[in-house]
Amino acid sequence: MMIADPISRIRRFHRAVTSEVGLLDNSFLGRGRPLGPARVLNAVGGGMAEVAEIRAYLGLDSGLMSRLLRGLEAEGLIELETDQGDNRRRRVRLTPAGQQEHDAYEALSDAQAAQILGKHNSRERLLAAMDIVATTLGRDRIVVQEVDPAAPDAQLCLTAYYAELSQRLHQGFEVSLSCDPEARDMMRPRGSFLLAVSDGLPVGCAGLKGTEKGYAEVKRVWVAPSARGLGVSRVMMKRLEEAAVSLGIGVLRLDTNSALPEAVALYRNSGWTEIARFNDDPYPDLFFEKQLSIRPGK
């Protein structure tokens, strides 16, 4: 058991990361510039085009952001332009030279990541620890977005959800035996499907299944272990309620299993009322309902 106090352990972690990834180097990954410009290139190469978006993503003040952009522009790696629809907004894109530099950083970063993974004899334990740290530090940047439930990232979450149910339910879990909603039932105008994303990686999902029974069902609420305890499930549940109201749905129902005490506690603590069984799904043993306020005209 570690005996050092928590603050000392956190500071040791900071020193280790600072040293390992080269935060103090004037030539990050040997490319001749420090980490700041490299992160800007990474953001632009990753699809961000608005200067304000990049600045917010990297947590930079406007003065530092301007200096970094001027430096990259002077190197011929980026081009800046004013947004044609709004003169107050600036956009940035990589030049061909900038794209080459971005690709070089990507290759070096991948190699560095592989080297770090090789330092521990349990890759999964190391990755799980990294996921917890990264998701926790990026908690305020987790976004919840409406997506197609058939999208690849949505399917990743659903697959992880089914695998966890198989482990936690005493009878196991086979999705073909459950009341599995069709994708179209979790898409507007019948329903909605939400994905929680942390810096580009999916960390949770939740679905609203439209029915013809006078209510909609909340389905497939799952949060990755690395994101649990951060309030992600509450945010998704709130967003599903808002989606239901926007669709004119006034009654929500859900089912769950007592082997999932975290889920049961979430529902009981957020205004859901336990009701009698309302379906013949073989897996749930607890059933809940929530009445929503629908404004006239909805």
C-alpha atoms as a PDB file:
ATOM      1  CA  MET A   1       0.000   0.000   0.000  1.00  0.00           C
ATOM      2  CA  MET A   2       1.235   3.494  -0.831  1.00  0.00           C
ATOM      3  CA  ILE A   3       2.045   5.451   2.331  1.00  0.00           C
ATOM      4  CA  ALA A   4       2.830   8.832   0.794  1.00  0.00           C
ATOM      5  CA  ASP A   5       0.180  11.520   1.183  1.00  0.00           C
ATOM      6  CA  PRO A   6      -2.134  12.238  -1.793  1.00  0.00           C
ATOM      7  CA  ILE A   7      -0.559  15.608  -2.660  1.00  0.00           C
ATOM      8  CA  SER A   8       2.926  14.093  -2.872  1.00  0.00           C
ATOM      9  CA  ARG A   9       1.622  11.306  -5.097  1.00  0.00           C
ATOM     10  CA  ILE A  10      -0.045  13.774  -7.461  1.00  0.00           C
ATOM     11  CA  ARG A  11       3.094  15.901  -7.687  1.00  0.00           C
ATOM     12  CA  ARG A  12       5.179  12.801  -8.416  1.00  0.00           C
ATOM     13  CA  PHE A  13       2.746  12.020 -11.228  1.00  0.00           C
ATOM     14  CA  HIS A  14       3.169  15.550 -12.605  1.00  0.00           C
ATOM     15  CA  ARG A  15       6.958  15.222 -12.589  1.00  0.00           C
ATOM     16  CA  ALA A  16       6.831  11.839 -14.299  1.00  0.00           C
ATOM     17  CA  VAL A  17       4.552  13.045 -17.096  1.00  0.00           C
ATOM     18  CA  THR A  18       6.496  16.277 -17.564  1.00  0.00           C
ATOM     19  CA  SER A  19       9.718  14.315 -17.990  1.00  0.00           C
ATOM     20  CA  GLU A  20       8.317  11.484 -20.099  1.00  0.00           C
ATOM     21  CA  VAL A  21       6.485  13.525 -22.737  1.00  0.00           C
ATOM     22  CA  GLY A  22       9.103  16.263 -22.977  1.00  0.00           C
ATOM     23  CA  LEU A  23       7.076  19.217 -21.757  1.00  0.00           C
ATOM     24  CA  LEU A  24      10.256  21.136 -20.886  1.00  0.00           C
ATOM     25  CA  ASP A  25      12.046  20.454 -24.170  1.00  0.00           C
ATOM     26  CA  ASN A  26      12.583  23.327 -26.585  1.00  0.00           C
ATOM     27  CA  SER A  27      12.408  20.758 -29.364  1.00  0.00           C
ATOM     28  CA  PHE A  28       9.356  18.621 -28.691  1.00  0.00           C
ATOM     29  CA  LEU A  29       9.867  15.149 -30.204  1.00  0.00           C
ATOM     30  CA  GLY A  30      12.964  16.507 -31.913  1.00  0.00           C
ATOM     31  CA  ARG A  31      11.077  18.665 -34.434  1.00  0.00           C
ATOM     32  CA  GLY A  32      12.674  22.003 -33.531  1.00  0.00           C
ATOM     33  CA  ARG A  33       9.826  23.696 -31.634  1.00  0.00           C
ATOM     34  CA  PRO A  34       8.334  23.365 -28.121  1.00  0.00           C
ATOM     35  CA  LEU A  35       5.096  21.608 -27.203  1.00  0.00           C
ATOM     36  CA  GLY A  36       2.767  24.619 -27.663  1.00  0.00           C
ATOM     37  CA  PRO A  37       3.087  24.986 -31.448  1.00  0.00           C
ATOM     38  CA  ALA A  38       3.003  21.210 -31.826  1.00  0.00           C
ATOM     39  CA  ARG A  39      -0.340  21.038 -29.998  1.00  0.00           C
ATOM     40  CA  VAL A  40      -1.776  23.745 -32.234  1.00  0.00           C
ATOM     41  CA  LEU A  41      -0.683  21.794 -35.326  1.00  0.00           C
ATOM     42  CA  ASN A  42      -2.271  18.682 -33.839  1.00  0.00           C
ATOM     43  CA  ALA A  43      -5.571  20.481 -33.255  1.00  0.00           C
ATOM     44  CA  VAL A  44      -5.702  21.930 -36.768  1.00  0.00           C
ATOM     45  CA  GLY A  45      -4.694  18.633 -38.327  1.00  0.00           C
ATOM     46  CA  GLY A  46      -7.349  16.921 -36.235  1.00  0.00           C
ATOM     47  CA  GLY A  47     -10.110  18.962 -37.838  1.00  0.00           C
ATOM     48  CA  MET A  48     -10.375  22.156 -35.791  1.00  0.00           C
ATOM     49  CA  ALA A  49     -10.518  25.236 -37.972  1.00  0.00           C
ATOM     50  CA  GLU A  50     -11.736  28.124 -35.822  1.00  0.00           C
ATOM     51  CA  VAL A  51      -9.067  29.928 -33.796  1.00  0.00           C
ATOM     52  CA  ALA A  52     -11.455  30.460 -30.876  1.00  0.00           C
ATOM     53  CA  GLU A  53     -12.267  26.746 -30.791  1.00  0.00           C
ATOM     54  CA  ILE A  54      -8.585  25.786 -30.734  1.00  0.00           C
ATOM     55  CA  ARG A  55      -7.822  28.327 -28.013  1.00  0.00           C
ATOM     56  CA  ALA A  56     -10.658  27.003 -25.838  1.00  0.00           C
ATOM     57  CA  TYR A  57      -9.650  23.384 -26.460  1.00  0.00           C
ATOM     58  CA  LEU A  58      -6.029  24.006 -25.454  1.00  0.00           C
ATOM     59  CA  GLY A  59      -6.897  26.385 -22.605  1.00  0.00           C
ATOM     60  CA  LEU A  60      -4.704  29.213 -23.945  1.00  0.00           C
ATOM     61  CA  ASP A  61      -5.091  32.941 -23.402  1.00  0.00           C
ATOM     62  CA  SER A  62      -5.531  35.077 -26.502  1.00  0.00           C
ATOM     63  CA  GLY A  63      -2.037  36.575 -26.318  1.00  0.00           C
ATOM     64  CA  LEU A  64      -0.255  33.220 -26.256  1.00  0.00           C
ATOM     65  CA  MET A  65      -2.537  31.854 -28.954  1.00  0.00           C
ATOM     66  CA  SER A  66      -1.688  34.793 -31.214  1.00  0.00           C
ATOM     67  CA  ARG A  67       2.057  34.299 -30.692  1.00  0.00           C
ATOM     68  CA  LEU A  68       1.821  30.585 -31.468  1.00  0.00           C
ATOM     69  CA  LEU A  69      -0.156  31.246 -34.636  1.00  0.00           C
ATOM     70  CA  ARG A  70       2.258  33.947 -35.793  1.00  0.00           C
ATOM     71  CA  GLY A  71       5.170  31.587 -35.286  1.00  0.00           C
ATOM     72  CA  LEU A  72       3.562  28.766 -37.243  1.00  0.00           C
ATOM     73  CA  GLU A  73       2.515  31.178 -39.981  1.00  0.00           C
ATOM     74  CA  ALA A  74       6.068  32.496 -40.242  1.00  0.00           C
ATOM     75  CA  GLU A  75       7.289  28.915 -40.693  1.00  0.00           C
ATOM     76  CA  GLY A  76       4.839  28.479 -43.560  1.00  0.00           C
ATOM     77  CA  LEU A  77       2.943  25.719 -41.738  1.00  0.00           C
ATOM     78  CA  ILE A  78      -0.477  27.387 -41.467  1.00  0.00           C
ATOM     79  CA  GLU A  79      -2.630  29.950 -43.249  1.00  0.00           C
ATOM     80  CA  LEU A  80      -5.031  32.283 -41.440  1.00  0.00           C
ATOM     81  CA  GLU A  81      -8.154  33.823 -42.907  1.00  0.00           C
ATOM     82  CA  THR A  82     -11.196  35.736 -41.703  1.00  0.00           C
ATOM     83  CA  ASP A  83     -14.475  33.829 -41.659  1.00  0.00           C
ATOM     84  CA  GLN A  84     -16.536  35.093 -44.603  1.00  0.00           C
ATOM     85  CA  GLY A  85     -19.719  34.934 -42.556  1.00  0.00           C
ATOM     86  CA  ASP A  86     -18.364  36.709 -39.469  1.00  0.00           C
ATOM     87  CA  ASN A  87     -15.414  39.128 -39.573  1.00  0.00           C
ATOM     88  CA  ARG A  88     -14.833  38.610 -35.853  1.00  0.00           C
ATOM     89  CA  ARG A  89     -13.955  34.953 -36.364  1.00  0.00           C
ATOM     90  CA  ARG A  90     -10.655  33.692 -37.750  1.00  0.00           C
ATOM     91  CA  ARG A  91     -10.023  30.328 -39.319  1.00  0.00           C
ATOM     92  CA  VAL A  92      -6.784  28.405 -39.736  1.00  0.00           C
ATOM     93  CA  ARG A  93      -5.689  25.605 -42.019  1.00  0.00           C
ATOM     94  CA  LEU A  94      -2.526  23.644 -42.634  1.00  0.00           C
ATOM     95  CA  THR A  95      -0.360  24.313 -45.647  1.00  0.00           C
ATOM     96  CA  PRO A  96       1.145  21.299 -47.450  1.00  0.00           C
ATOM     97  CA  ALA A  97       4.286  21.817 -45.364  1.00  0.00           C
ATOM     98  CA  GLY A  98       2.137  22.023 -42.256  1.00  0.00           C
ATOM     99  CA  GLN A  99       0.404  18.769 -43.153  1.00  0.00           C
ATOM    100  CA  GLN A 100       3.784  17.073 -43.520  1.00  0.00           C
ATOM    101  CA  GLU A 101       4.873  18.398 -40.124  1.00  0.00           C
ATOM    102  CA  HIS A 102       1.592  17.280 -38.559  1.00  0.00           C
ATOM    103  CA  ASP A 103       2.050  13.785 -39.996  1.00  0.00           C
ATOM    104  CA  ALA A 104       5.626  13.639 -38.678  1.00  0.00           C
ATOM    105  CA  TYR A 105       4.413  14.536 -35.176  1.00  0.00           C
ATOM    106  CA  GLU A 106       1.703  11.890 -35.410  1.00  0.00           C
ATOM    107  CA  ALA A 107       4.204   9.162 -36.285  1.00  0.00           C
ATOM    108  CA  LEU A 108       6.588  10.205 -33.496  1.00  0.00           C
ATOM    109  CA  SER A 109       3.751  10.453 -30.963  1.00  0.00           C
ATOM    110  CA  ASP A 110       2.520   6.978 -31.888  1.00  0.00           C
ATOM    111  CA  ALA A 111       6.026   5.595 -31.428  1.00  0.00           C
ATOM    112  CA  GLN A 112       6.356   7.341 -28.061  1.00  0.00           C
ATOM    113  CA  ALA A 113       3.017   5.904 -26.929  1.00  0.00           C
ATOM    114  CA  ALA A 114       4.080   2.397 -27.934  1.00  0.00           C
ATOM    115  CA  GLN A 115       7.321   2.841 -25.995  1.00  0.00           C
ATOM    116  CA  ILE A 116       5.413   3.898 -22.860  1.00  0.00           C
ATOM    117  CA  LEU A 117       3.096   0.881 -23.156  1.00  0.00           C
ATOM    118  CA  GLY A 118       6.142  -1.358 -23.286  1.00  0.00           C
ATOM    119  CA  LYS A 119       7.280  -0.216 -19.842  1.00  0.00           C
ATOM    120  CA  HIS A 120       4.509  -2.086 -18.000  1.00  0.00           C
ATOM    121  CA  ASN A 121       3.755  -5.797 -18.097  1.00  0.00           C
ATOM    122  CA  SER A 122      -0.017  -5.196 -18.059  1.00  0.00           C
ATOM    123  CA  ARG A 123      -1.049  -2.939 -20.927  1.00  0.00           C
ATOM    124  CA  GLU A 124      -4.711  -2.980 -19.942  1.00  0.00           C
ATOM    125  CA  ARG A 125      -4.043  -1.910 -16.354  1.00  0.00           C
ATOM    126  CA  LEU A 126      -1.816   0.898 -17.571  1.00  0.00           C
ATOM    127  CA  LEU A 127      -4.349   2.045 -20.167  1.00  0.00           C
ATOM    128  CA  ALA A 128      -7.187   1.890 -17.629  1.00  0.00           C
ATOM    129  CA  ALA A 129      -5.209   4.108 -15.256  1.00  0.00           C
ATOM    130  CA  MET A 130      -4.443   6.556 -18.059  1.00  0.00           C
ATOM    131  CA  ASP A 131      -8.121   6.614 -19.083  1.00  0.00           C
ATOM    132  CA  ILE A 132      -9.188   7.540 -15.555  1.00  0.00           C
ATOM    133  CA  VAL A 133      -6.642  10.350 -15.323  1.00  0.00           C
ATOM    134  CA  ALA A 134      -7.351  11.755 -18.788  1.00  0.00           C
ATOM    135  CA  THR A 135     -11.123  11.638 -18.375  1.00  0.00           C
ATOM    136  CA  THR A 136     -10.986  13.172 -14.903  1.00  0.00           C
ATOM    137  CA  LEU A 137      -8.692  16.022 -15.962  1.00  0.00           C
ATOM    138  CA  GLY A 138     -10.891  16.633 -19.003  1.00  0.00           C
ATOM    139  CA  ARG A 139     -14.167  16.415 -17.091  1.00  0.00           C
ATOM    140  CA  ASP A 140     -15.261  19.953 -17.990  1.00  0.00           C
ATOM    141  CA  ARG A 141     -14.658  19.241 -21.671  1.00  0.00           C
ATOM    142  CA  ILE A 142     -16.830  16.117 -21.912  1.00  0.00           C
ATOM    143  CA  VAL A 143     -19.551  16.788 -24.459  1.00  0.00           C
ATOM    144  CA  VAL A 144     -22.868  14.985 -24.923  1.00  0.00           C
ATOM    145  CA  GLN A 145     -24.080  14.873 -28.499  1.00  0.00           C
ATOM    146  CA  GLU A 146     -26.979  13.300 -30.358  1.00  0.00           C
ATOM    147  CA  VAL A 147     -25.829  10.655 -32.843  1.00  0.00           C
ATOM    148  CA  ASP A 148     -27.078   7.809 -34.977  1.00  0.00           C
ATOM    149  CA  PRO A 149     -27.111   4.684 -32.751  1.00  0.00           C
ATOM    150  CA  ALA A 150     -25.608   2.749 -35.655  1.00  0.00           C
ATOM    151  CA  ALA A 151     -22.526   5.019 -35.757  1.00  0.00           C
ATOM    152  CA  PRO A 152     -19.219   3.262 -34.973  1.00  0.00           C
ATOM    153  CA  ASP A 153     -18.584   5.071 -31.665  1.00  0.00           C
ATOM    154  CA  ALA A 154     -22.156   4.367 -30.533  1.00  0.00           C
ATOM    155  CA  GLN A 155     -21.695   0.697 -31.365  1.00  0.00           C
ATOM    156  CA  LEU A 156     -18.438   0.619 -29.385  1.00  0.00           C
ATOM    157  CA  CYS A 157     -20.299   1.832 -26.309  1.00  0.00           C
ATOM    158  CA  LEU A 158     -23.183  -0.582 -26.814  1.00  0.00           C
ATOM    159  CA  THR A 159     -20.793  -3.507 -27.230  1.00  0.00           C
ATOM    160  CA  ALA A 160     -19.017  -2.546 -23.994  1.00  0.00           C
ATOM    161  CA  TYR A 161     -22.393  -2.189 -22.264  1.00  0.00           C
ATOM    162  CA  TYR A 162     -23.520  -5.667 -23.343  1.00  0.00           C
ATOM    163  CA  ALA A 163     -20.181  -7.161 -22.261  1.00  0.00           C
ATOM    164  CA  GLU A 164     -20.487  -5.599 -18.816  1.00  0.00           C
ATOM    165  CA  LEU A 165     -24.040  -6.884 -18.394  1.00  0.00           C
ATOM    166  CA  SER A 166     -22.800 -10.373 -19.289  1.00  0.00           C
ATOM    167  CA  GLN A 167     -20.320 -10.160 -16.425  1.00  0.00           C
ATOM    168  CA  ARG A 168     -22.532  -8.522 -13.801  1.00  0.00           C
ATOM    169  CA  LEU A 169     -25.890 -10.278 -14.255  1.00  0.00           C
ATOM    170  CA  HIS A 170     -25.967 -13.691 -12.590  1.00  0.00           C
ATOM    171  CA  GLN A 171     -27.737 -15.202 -15.619  1.00  0.00           C
ATOM    172  CA  GLY A 172     -25.403 -13.470 -18.071  1.00  0.00           C
ATOM    173  CA  PHE A 173     -26.774 -11.395 -20.934  1.00  0.00           C
ATOM    174  CA  GLU A 174     -27.636 -12.131 -24.539  1.00  0.00           C
ATOM    175  CA  VAL A 175     -28.815  -9.088 -26.458  1.00  0.00           C
ATOM    176  CA  SER A 176     -30.975 -11.168 -28.805  1.00  0.00           C
ATOM    177  CA  LEU A 177     -33.109 -12.279 -25.830  1.00  0.00           C
ATOM    178  CA  SER A 178     -33.694  -8.758 -24.495  1.00  0.00           C
ATOM    179  CA  CYS A 179     -36.227  -6.175 -25.665  1.00  0.00           C
ATOM    180  CA  ASP A 180     -33.605  -4.603 -27.887  1.00  0.00           C
ATOM    181  CA  PRO A 181     -34.818  -1.371 -29.531  1.00  0.00           C
ATOM    182  CA  GLU A 182     -34.372  -0.945 -33.241  1.00  0.00           C
ATOM    183  CA  ALA A 183     -32.057   1.883 -34.234  1.00  0.00           C
ATOM    184  CA  ARG A 184     -34.893   3.801 -35.892  1.00  0.00           C
ATOM    185  CA  ASP A 185     -36.770   3.885 -32.569  1.00  0.00           C
ATOM    186  CA  MET A 186     -33.866   5.821 -31.032  1.00  0.00           C
ATOM    187  CA  MET A 187     -33.712   8.465 -33.750  1.00  0.00           C
ATOM    188  CA  ARG A 188     -35.835  11.536 -34.307  1.00  0.00           C
ATOM    189  CA  PRO A 189     -38.748  11.889 -34.705  1.00  0.00           C
ATOM    190  CA  ARG A 190     -39.354   8.762 -32.613  1.00  0.00           C
ATOM    191  CA  GLY A 191     -36.531   9.008 -30.098  1.00  0.00           C
ATOM    192  CA  SER A 192     -32.922  10.021 -29.533  1.00  0.00           C
ATOM    193  CA  PHE A 193     -29.507   8.485 -28.907  1.00  0.00           C
ATOM    194  CA  LEU A 194     -26.790  10.300 -26.978  1.00  0.00           C
ATOM    195  CA  LEU A 195     -23.049   9.793 -26.885  1.00  0.00           C
ATOM    196  CA  ALA A 196     -20.731  11.256 -24.245  1.00  0.00           C
ATOM    197  CA  VAL A 197     -17.309  12.098 -25.708  1.00  0.00           C
ATOM    198  CA  SER A 198     -14.075  12.923 -23.892  1.00  0.00           C
ATOM    199  CA  ASP A 199     -11.463  14.525 -26.176  1.00  0.00           C
ATOM    200  CA  GLY A 200     -12.639  12.526 -29.162  1.00  0.00           C
ATOM    201  CA  LEU A 201     -13.152   9.205 -27.376  1.00  0.00           C
ATOM    202  CA  PRO A 202     -16.633   7.859 -26.484  1.00  0.00           C
ATOM    203  CA  VAL A 203     -17.153   7.364 -22.739  1.00  0.00           C
ATOM    204  CA  GLY A 204     -20.904   6.807 -22.440  1.00  0.00           C
ATOM    205  CA  CYS A 205     -24.245   6.408 -24.167  1.00  0.00           C
ATOM    206  CA  ALA A 206     -27.976   6.547 -23.500  1.00  0.00           C
ATOM    207  CA  GLY A 207     -31.027   6.022 -25.682  1.00  0.00           C
ATOM    208  CA  LEU A 208     -34.616   7.204 -25.813  1.00  0.00           C
ATOM    209  CA  LYS A 209     -36.812   4.579 -27.485  1.00  0.00           C
ATOM    210  CA  GLY A 210     -40.054   5.774 -29.005  1.00  0.00           C
ATOM    211  CA  THR A 211     -43.067   3.467 -28.664  1.00  0.00           C
ATOM    212  CA  GLU A 212     -46.758   3.406 -29.575  1.00  0.00           C
ATOM    213  CA  LYS A 213     -47.797   2.742 -25.961  1.00  0.00           C
ATOM    214  CA  GLY A 214     -48.205   6.273 -24.629  1.00  0.00           C
ATOM    215  CA  TYR A 215     -44.690   6.448 -23.218  1.00  0.00           C
ATOM    216  CA  ALA A 216     -41.052   6.260 -24.332  1.00  0.00           C
ATOM    217  CA  GLU A 217     -38.360   4.111 -22.766  1.00  0.00           C
ATOM    218  CA  VAL A 218     -34.886   5.059 -21.609  1.00  0.00           C
ATOM    219  CA  LYS A 219     -32.512   2.332 -22.800  1.00  0.00           C
ATOM    220  CA  ARG A 220     -28.822   1.445 -22.871  1.00  0.00           C
ATOM    221  CA  VAL A 221     -27.558   3.909 -20.265  1.00  0.00           C
ATOM    222  CA  TRP A 222     -23.857   3.150 -19.879  1.00  0.00           C
ATOM    223  CA  VAL A 223     -20.760   5.060 -18.763  1.00  0.00           C
ATOM    224  CA  ALA A 224     -17.193   3.815 -19.175  1.00  0.00           C
ATOM    225  CA  PRO A 225     -15.420   2.907 -15.910  1.00  0.00           C
ATOM    226  CA  SER A 226     -12.961   5.761 -16.473  1.00  0.00           C
ATOM    227  CA  ALA A 227     -15.804   8.316 -16.474  1.00  0.00           C
ATOM    228  CA  ARG A 228     -17.868   7.017 -13.562  1.00  0.00           C
ATOM    229  CA  GLY A 229     -18.330   9.354 -10.643  1.00  0.00           C
ATOM    230  CA  LEU A 230     -18.039  12.437 -12.862  1.00  0.00           C
ATOM    231  CA  GLY A 231     -21.756  13.054 -13.323  1.00  0.00           C
ATOM    232  CA  VAL A 232     -21.880  11.900 -16.943  1.00  0.00           C
ATOM    233  CA  SER A 233     -24.919   9.658 -16.496  1.00  0.00           C
ATOM    234  CA  ARG A 234     -26.911  12.466 -14.850  1.00  0.00           C
ATOM    235  CA  VAL A 235     -26.131  14.809 -17.722  1.00  0.00           C
ATOM    236  CA  MET A 236     -27.224  12.229 -20.281  1.00  0.00           C
ATOM    237  CA  MET A 237     -30.435  11.470 -18.397  1.00  0.00           C
ATOM    238  CA  LYS A 238     -31.263  15.173 -18.239  1.00  0.00           C
ATOM    239  CA  ARG A 239     -30.590  15.538 -21.955  1.00  0.00           C
ATOM    240  CA  LEU A 240     -32.846  12.564 -22.711  1.00  0.00           C
ATOM    241  CA  GLU A 241     -35.650  14.174 -20.728  1.00  0.00           C
ATOM    242  CA  GLU A 242     -35.167  17.382 -22.703  1.00  0.00           C
ATOM    243  CA  ALA A 243     -35.258  15.403 -25.952  1.00  0.00           C
ATOM    244  CA  ALA A 244     -38.464  13.697 -24.846  1.00  0.00           C
ATOM    245  CA  VAL A 245     -40.116  17.030 -24.075  1.00  0.00           C
ATOM    246  CA  SER A 246     -39.058  18.398 -27.461  1.00  0.00           C
ATOM    247  CA  LEU A 247     -40.749  15.368 -29.069  1.00  0.00           C
ATOM    248  CA  GLY A 248     -43.926  15.873 -27.049  1.00  0.00           C
ATOM    249  CA  ILE A 249     -43.364  12.792 -24.883  1.00  0.00           C
ATOM    250  CA  GLY A 250     -44.770  13.195 -21.358  1.00  0.00           C
ATOM    251  CA  VAL A 251     -44.086   9.800 -19.784  1.00  0.00           C
ATOM    252  CA  LEU A 252     -40.812   7.897 -19.601  1.00  0.00           C
ATOM    253  CA  ARG A 253     -40.242   4.364 -18.408  1.00  0.00           C
ATOM    254  CA  LEU A 254     -37.160   2.222 -17.908  1.00  0.00           C
ATOM    255  CA  ASP A 255     -36.156  -1.147 -16.572  1.00  0.00           C
ATOM    256  CA  THR A 256     -32.983  -2.246 -14.827  1.00  0.00           C
ATOM    257  CA  ASN A 257     -31.540  -5.021 -12.697  1.00  0.00           C
ATOM    258  CA  SER A 258     -30.802  -4.955  -8.959  1.00  0.00           C
ATOM    259  CA  ALA A 259     -27.305  -6.243  -9.792  1.00  0.00           C
ATOM    260  CA  LEU A 260     -26.612  -2.696 -11.052  1.00  0.00           C
ATOM    261  CA  PRO A 261     -26.920  -0.704  -7.787  1.00  0.00           C
ATOM    262  CA  GLU A 262     -25.336   2.435  -9.248  1.00  0.00           C
ATOM    263  CA  ALA A 263     -28.055   2.645 -11.901  1.00  0.00           C
ATOM    264  CA  VAL A 264     -30.798   1.945  -9.379  1.00  0.00           C
ATOM    265  CA  ALA A 265     -29.494   4.710  -7.095  1.00  0.00           C
ATOM    266  CA  LEU A 266     -29.319   7.156 -10.015  1.00  0.00           C
ATOM    267  CA  TYR A 267     -32.944   6.594 -10.936  1.00  0.00           C
ATOM    268  CA  ARG A 268     -34.244   6.707  -7.377  1.00  0.00           C
ATOM    269  CA  ASN A 269     -32.329   9.911  -6.665  1.00  0.00           C
ATOM    270  CA  SER A 270     -33.448  11.742  -9.798  1.00  0.00           C
ATOM    271  CA  GLY A 271     -37.216  11.667  -9.576  1.00  0.00           C
ATOM    272  CA  TRP A 272     -38.078   8.241 -10.950  1.00  0.00           C
ATOM    273  CA  THR A 273     -40.861   6.217  -9.300  1.00  0.00           C
ATOM    274  CA  GLU A 274     -40.746   2.445  -9.032  1.00  0.00           C
ATOM    275  CA  ILE A 275     -43.682   0.763 -10.788  1.00  0.00           C
ATOM    276  CA  ALA A 276     -44.907  -2.745 -11.612  1.00  0.00           C
ATOM    277  CA  ARG A 277     -43.343  -4.762 -14.419  1.00  0.00           C
ATOM    278  CA  PHE A 278     -44.407  -3.426 -17.811  1.00  0.00           C
ATOM    279  CA  ASN A 279     -42.617  -5.785 -20.211  1.00  0.00           C
ATOM    280  CA  ASP A 280     -41.590  -9.423 -20.571  1.00  0.00           C
ATOM    281  CA  ASP A 281     -37.854  -8.820 -20.924  1.00  0.00           C
ATOM    282  CA  PRO A 282     -36.119 -11.691 -19.042  1.00  0.00           C
ATOM    283  CA  TYR A 283     -33.316  -9.563 -17.602  1.00  0.00           C
ATOM    284  CA  PRO A 284     -34.755  -6.631 -15.563  1.00  0.00           C
ATOM    285  CA  ASP A 285     -36.260  -7.025 -12.103  1.00  0.00           C
ATOM    286  CA  LEU A 286     -36.899  -3.340 -11.327  1.00  0.00           C
ATOM    287  CA  PHE A 287     -39.113  -0.929 -13.282  1.00  0.00           C
ATOM    288  CA  PHE A 288     -39.424   2.852 -13.092  1.00  0.00           C
ATOM    289  CA  GLU A 289     -41.484   5.707 -14.514  1.00  0.00           C
ATOM    290  CA  LYS A 290     -41.136   9.481 -14.679  1.00  0.00           C
ATOM    291  CA  GLN A 291     -43.740  12.079 -15.596  1.00  0.00           C
ATOM    292  CA  LEU A 292     -42.486  15.078 -17.576  1.00  0.00           C
ATOM    293  CA  SER A 293     -44.011  18.512 -17.900  1.00  0.00           C
ATOM    294  CA  ILE A 294     -45.113  19.156 -21.467  1.00  0.00           C
ATOM    295  CA  ARG A 295     -46.022  22.705 -22.439  1.00  0.00           C
ATOM    296  CA  PRO A 296     -49.237  23.178 -24.442  1.00  0.00           C
ATOM    297  CA  GLY A 297     -48.560  22.876 -28.140  1.00  0.00           C
ATOM    298  CA  LYS A 298     -45.826  20.299 -27.697  1.00  0.00           C
END
